[in-house]
Amino acid sequence: MQSGLEGRVVVVTGASKGMGLACATALAREGATVAGISRSREHLELAQGDLHGHGLEMAIYDADLSDAEAARDVLLRIGHEIGPVDVLVNSAGAARRYPAEELDMHAFEQAFGAKYYTYVNAIEAVIRGMAERGRGSIVSIVGQGGRQANEVHIAGGSANAALMLATVGYARAYARKGVRVNAINPGYTRTGRVEEGLNASMRATGRDKEDLLDELLRDIPMGRMAEPAEIAAVAVFLASDLASYVTGAIIPMDGGKASVI
């Protein structure tokens, strides 16, 4: 089956590492014209070199997407230099994890600035242009923490929950204009975020990291964390014509951990 992504302009935010880099790589393999955005030019250049080593290309743009004006400017630049954006994959920004006793308003501001506004600013910069052209797909890598509360992820989980609502709202608002908007909720995935979460849990409980990791894996029915490439495979599907009748979907990828309908 053909994805229909060949030659389409795809923007991946947070493309310098982790799930964003995995998405950029997978989309480039589908023949898409990929532009990657991240705050760090240095990390983007390393990611670009990684793709080049696999015979793939990615144009790179550094910008802080938590700033609405910066988001508009960089996506406008991509439109001028590469072409109108057909697909946006949101993977930039991560809310820090805090034990409950360390929470304050700064923690909530950081969480919403890094995750919610980073995603919404990128969406706002492209979705009306997609609607005018009658075609577009937006995929946001959100997180299962917005559906299942975690005592060290209260601020970040709140931002994730807000993003899920925004995803479904945008999907309804733009469905008749040919724009599909979906989200993926990864659970524990083999990235640096797991290490950060374990460190926060250590501070909250005083327990050993290995014990916490063993408990984490025991709670996952599949018995392991996801790999970034597995998240990317679902992002490619949602971005592609194979998912032409899928919009407003929130897809859990947590190895069966949540076990909810």
Protein backbone atom coordinates (compact mmCIF):
# COMPACT_ATOMS: atom_id res chain seq x y z
CA MET A 1 0.00 0.00 0.00
CA GLN A 2 1.26 3.44 -0.91
CA SER A 3 1.35 6.15 1.77
CA GLY A 4 1.00 9.00 -0.72
CA LEU A 5 3.64 11.02 1.14
CA GLU A 6 6.21 11.13 -1.65
CA GLY A 7 7.06 14.71 -2.53
CA ARG A 8 4.87 16.23 0.17
CA VAL A 9 6.28 18.94 2.42
CA VAL A 10 6.39 17.63 5.96
CA VAL A 11 7.44 19.66 9.00
CA VAL A 12 8.57 17.79 12.10
CA THR A 13 9.06 19.79 15.28
CA GLY A 14 11.47 18.50 17.90
CA ALA A 15 13.27 16.78 15.03
CA SER A 16 16.74 16.83 16.58
CA LYS A 17 16.32 13.77 18.81
CA GLY A 18 14.04 11.13 20.28
CA MET A 19 10.61 10.58 18.77
CA GLY A 20 10.87 13.68 16.59
CA LEU A 21 14.05 12.42 14.93
CA ALA A 22 12.48 8.99 14.50
CA CYS A 23 9.46 10.60 12.79
CA ALA A 24 11.66 12.72 10.52
CA THR A 25 13.64 9.64 9.51
CA ALA A 26 10.54 7.53 8.83
CA LEU A 27 8.87 10.27 6.80
CA ALA A 28 12.00 10.89 4.74
CA ARG A 29 12.06 7.16 3.94
CA GLU A 30 8.53 7.57 2.55
CA GLY A 31 9.88 10.11 0.08
CA ALA A 32 8.55 13.20 1.83
CA THR A 33 10.40 16.50 1.71
CA VAL A 34 11.19 16.90 5.40
CA ALA A 35 11.93 20.12 7.30
CA GLY A 36 12.97 19.68 10.92
CA ILE A 37 12.60 22.34 13.60
CA SER A 38 14.28 22.46 17.01
CA ARG A 39 15.65 25.13 19.33
CA SER A 40 19.24 23.87 19.04
CA ARG A 41 21.03 24.38 15.74
CA GLU A 42 23.84 22.14 16.94
CA HIS A 43 21.50 19.23 17.70
CA LEU A 44 19.71 19.74 14.38
CA GLU A 45 22.97 19.52 12.48
CA LEU A 46 23.79 16.24 14.23
CA ALA A 47 20.33 14.90 13.33
CA GLN A 48 20.74 16.06 9.74
CA GLY A 49 24.05 14.20 9.60
CA ASP A 50 22.39 11.09 10.99
CA LEU A 51 19.78 11.13 8.23
CA HIS A 52 22.40 11.85 5.60
CA GLY A 53 24.29 8.76 6.76
CA HIS A 54 21.21 6.74 5.82
CA GLY A 55 20.93 8.40 2.42
CA LEU A 56 18.12 10.70 3.55
CA GLU A 57 17.71 14.48 3.56
CA MET A 58 16.22 16.95 6.04
CA ALA A 59 16.24 20.73 5.86
CA ILE A 60 16.80 22.24 9.30
CA TYR A 61 15.44 25.35 11.01
CA ASP A 62 16.15 26.46 14.57
CA ALA A 63 13.36 28.28 16.40
CA ASP A 64 11.71 28.45 19.81
CA LEU A 65 8.15 27.40 19.05
CA SER A 66 6.88 28.42 22.48
CA ASP A 67 7.01 31.95 21.04
CA ALA A 68 4.00 32.41 18.73
CA GLU A 69 5.75 34.99 16.54
CA ALA A 70 8.84 32.80 16.15
CA ALA A 71 6.61 29.87 15.21
CA ARG A 72 4.81 31.92 12.56
CA ASP A 73 8.08 33.24 11.16
CA VAL A 74 9.83 29.89 10.82
CA LEU A 75 6.84 28.15 9.25
CA LEU A 76 6.34 31.05 6.86
CA ARG A 77 10.02 30.75 5.92
CA ILE A 78 9.64 27.02 5.29
CA GLY A 79 6.63 27.73 3.08
CA HIS A 80 8.64 30.21 1.03
CA GLU A 81 11.83 28.14 0.78
CA ILE A 82 10.41 24.62 0.37
CA GLY A 83 6.69 24.89 -0.32
CA PRO A 84 3.31 24.92 1.41
CA VAL A 85 3.21 22.59 4.39
CA ASP A 86 1.19 19.42 3.72
CA VAL A 87 1.90 17.65 7.00
CA LEU A 88 2.85 18.88 10.48
CA VAL A 89 4.16 16.44 13.08
CA ASN A 90 4.37 18.00 16.53
CA SER A 91 7.03 16.49 18.78
CA ALA A 92 8.82 19.54 20.21
CA GLY A 93 8.85 20.54 23.83
CA ALA A 94 8.73 18.52 27.01
CA ALA A 95 7.30 19.34 30.40
CA ARG A 96 9.65 18.71 33.29
CA ARG A 97 8.62 16.23 35.95
CA TYR A 98 8.36 17.29 39.58
CA PRO A 99 7.42 15.50 42.80
CA ALA A 100 4.16 17.02 44.05
CA GLU A 101 5.88 18.86 46.89
CA GLU A 102 8.10 20.69 44.36
CA LEU A 103 5.18 21.96 42.24
CA ASP A 104 4.62 25.68 41.97
CA MET A 105 3.24 28.06 39.35
CA HIS A 106 6.59 28.10 37.58
CA ALA A 107 6.26 24.35 37.02
CA PHE A 108 2.83 24.79 35.41
CA GLU A 109 4.03 27.73 33.32
CA GLN A 110 7.00 25.68 32.13
CA ALA A 111 4.79 22.72 31.28
CA PHE A 112 2.27 24.70 29.25
CA GLY A 113 4.94 26.85 27.61
CA ALA A 114 7.08 23.90 26.60
CA LYS A 115 4.34 21.52 25.51
CA TYR A 116 0.92 23.09 24.98
CA TYR A 117 1.88 26.43 23.43
CA THR A 118 4.72 24.91 21.42
CA TYR A 119 2.23 22.59 19.72
CA VAL A 120 -0.63 25.05 19.35
CA ASN A 121 1.65 27.78 17.98
CA ALA A 122 2.84 25.43 15.24
CA ILE A 123 -0.71 24.31 14.46
CA GLU A 124 -1.97 27.90 14.27
CA ALA A 125 0.86 28.78 11.87
CA VAL A 126 -0.18 26.18 9.27
CA ILE A 127 -3.77 25.02 9.67
CA ARG A 128 -5.53 27.88 7.86
CA GLY A 129 -3.23 27.54 4.89
CA MET A 130 -4.00 23.83 4.78
CA ALA A 131 -7.72 24.62 4.89
CA GLU A 132 -7.42 27.09 2.02
CA ARG A 133 -5.71 24.40 -0.09
CA GLY A 134 -8.29 21.81 0.97
CA ARG A 135 -5.74 19.30 2.24
CA GLY A 136 -3.52 18.74 5.25
CA SER A 137 -2.65 16.43 8.11
CA ILE A 138 -1.50 17.28 11.62
CA VAL A 139 -0.17 14.65 14.00
CA SER A 140 0.75 15.55 17.58
CA ILE A 141 2.86 13.29 19.79
CA VAL A 142 1.18 14.09 23.11
CA GLY A 143 1.49 11.54 25.91
CA GLN A 144 -0.54 9.14 27.99
CA GLY A 145 0.16 11.32 31.03
CA GLY A 146 -2.75 13.48 29.90
CA ARG A 147 -5.13 10.57 30.40
CA GLN A 148 -3.63 8.73 33.37
CA ALA A 149 -2.51 10.84 36.34
CA ASN A 150 1.02 10.46 37.65
CA GLU A 151 2.09 12.18 40.88
CA VAL A 152 5.37 13.38 39.35
CA HIS A 153 3.72 14.57 36.11
CA ILE A 154 0.84 16.72 37.29
CA ALA A 155 1.82 19.89 35.43
CA GLY A 156 2.88 18.08 32.26
CA GLY A 157 -0.13 15.78 32.35
CA SER A 158 -2.39 18.82 32.55
CA ALA A 159 -0.76 20.26 29.42
CA ASN A 160 -1.18 16.90 27.66
CA ALA A 161 -4.87 16.73 28.59
CA ALA A 162 -5.37 20.23 27.17
CA LEU A 163 -3.64 19.18 23.95
CA MET A 164 -5.96 16.20 23.57
CA LEU A 165 -8.97 18.51 23.81
CA ALA A 166 -7.37 20.90 21.31
CA THR A 167 -6.69 18.01 18.92
CA VAL A 168 -10.31 16.92 18.84
CA GLY A 169 -11.52 20.53 18.66
CA TYR A 170 -9.32 21.35 15.66
CA ALA A 171 -10.33 18.07 14.01
CA ARG A 172 -14.04 18.97 14.22
CA ALA A 173 -13.47 22.57 13.15
CA TYR A 174 -11.46 21.71 10.04
CA ALA A 175 -12.82 18.32 8.94
CA ARG A 176 -15.01 19.77 6.19
CA LYS A 177 -12.03 21.74 4.89
CA GLY A 178 -9.92 18.65 4.21
CA VAL A 179 -7.62 18.93 7.22
CA ARG A 180 -7.18 15.93 9.51
CA VAL A 181 -5.89 16.37 13.08
CA ASN A 182 -4.88 13.41 15.23
CA ALA A 183 -2.71 12.61 18.23
CA ILE A 184 -0.61 9.76 19.56
CA ASN A 185 -0.30 9.14 23.29
CA PRO A 186 2.95 7.27 23.93
CA GLY A 187 3.53 5.68 27.28
CA TYR A 188 7.07 4.97 28.41
CA THR A 189 9.35 5.23 25.38
CA ARG A 190 13.10 4.67 25.26
CA THR A 191 14.21 8.33 25.29
CA GLY A 192 15.87 10.67 27.78
CA ARG A 193 12.44 11.49 29.19
CA VAL A 194 12.36 8.13 31.00
CA GLU A 195 15.56 8.96 32.84
CA GLU A 196 14.14 12.33 33.89
CA GLY A 197 10.97 10.68 35.18
CA LEU A 198 12.95 8.10 37.14
CA ASN A 199 15.03 10.84 38.75
CA ALA A 200 11.88 12.71 39.80
CA SER A 201 10.43 9.48 41.26
CA MET A 202 13.66 8.88 43.17
CA ARG A 203 13.38 12.32 44.77
CA ALA A 204 9.72 11.72 45.60
CA THR A 205 10.11 8.23 47.07
CA GLY A 206 13.76 7.83 48.05
CA ARG A 207 13.79 4.50 46.22
CA ASP A 208 16.57 3.04 44.08
CA LYS A 209 16.41 3.76 40.34
CA GLU A 210 16.70 0.10 39.35
CA ASP A 211 13.78 -0.83 41.61
CA LEU A 212 11.68 1.93 40.08
CA LEU A 213 12.59 0.81 36.56
CA ASP A 214 11.73 -2.81 37.33
CA GLU A 215 8.35 -1.70 38.73
CA LEU A 216 7.73 0.46 35.67
CA LEU A 217 8.28 -2.48 33.33
CA ARG A 218 6.18 -4.84 35.46
CA ASP A 219 3.22 -2.47 35.07
CA ILE A 220 3.39 -2.67 31.25
CA PRO A 221 1.53 -5.75 29.97
CA MET A 222 3.88 -6.02 26.99
CA GLY A 223 6.81 -6.03 29.41
CA ARG A 224 8.91 -3.38 27.70
CA MET A 225 9.05 0.27 26.72
CA ALA A 226 8.23 1.46 23.22
CA GLU A 227 10.99 2.31 20.78
CA PRO A 228 10.86 5.75 19.08
CA ALA A 229 10.63 4.07 15.67
CA GLU A 230 7.40 2.35 16.76
CA ILE A 231 5.82 5.71 17.57
CA ALA A 232 7.08 7.06 14.24
CA ALA A 233 5.42 4.21 12.32
CA VAL A 234 2.00 5.22 13.64
CA ALA A 235 2.75 8.90 12.97
CA VAL A 236 3.52 8.04 9.33
CA PHE A 237 0.21 6.18 9.04
CA LEU A 238 -1.79 9.08 10.49
CA ALA A 239 0.04 11.58 8.28
CA SER A 240 -0.58 9.56 5.14
CA ASP A 241 -3.45 8.91 2.76
CA LEU A 242 -3.80 5.48 4.36
CA ALA A 243 -5.57 7.28 7.22
CA SER A 244 -7.74 9.42 4.95
CA TYR A 245 -10.87 8.88 7.08
CA VAL A 246 -9.16 9.21 10.46
CA THR A 247 -9.48 12.53 12.28
CA GLY A 248 -9.97 13.50 15.90
CA ALA A 249 -8.36 10.23 17.01
CA ILE A 250 -6.24 9.93 20.15
CA ILE A 251 -4.24 6.73 19.79
CA PRO A 252 -2.69 5.22 22.95
CA MET A 253 0.70 3.52 22.59
CA ASP A 254 1.52 2.37 26.09
CA GLY A 255 1.85 -1.39 25.72
CA GLY A 256 -1.59 -1.90 27.28
CA LYS A 257 -0.69 -0.19 30.57
CA ALA A 258 -3.74 2.07 30.90
CA SER A 259 -6.20 -0.74 30.11
CA VAL A 260 -9.15 1.63 29.73
CA ILE A 261 -11.90 1.86 27.11
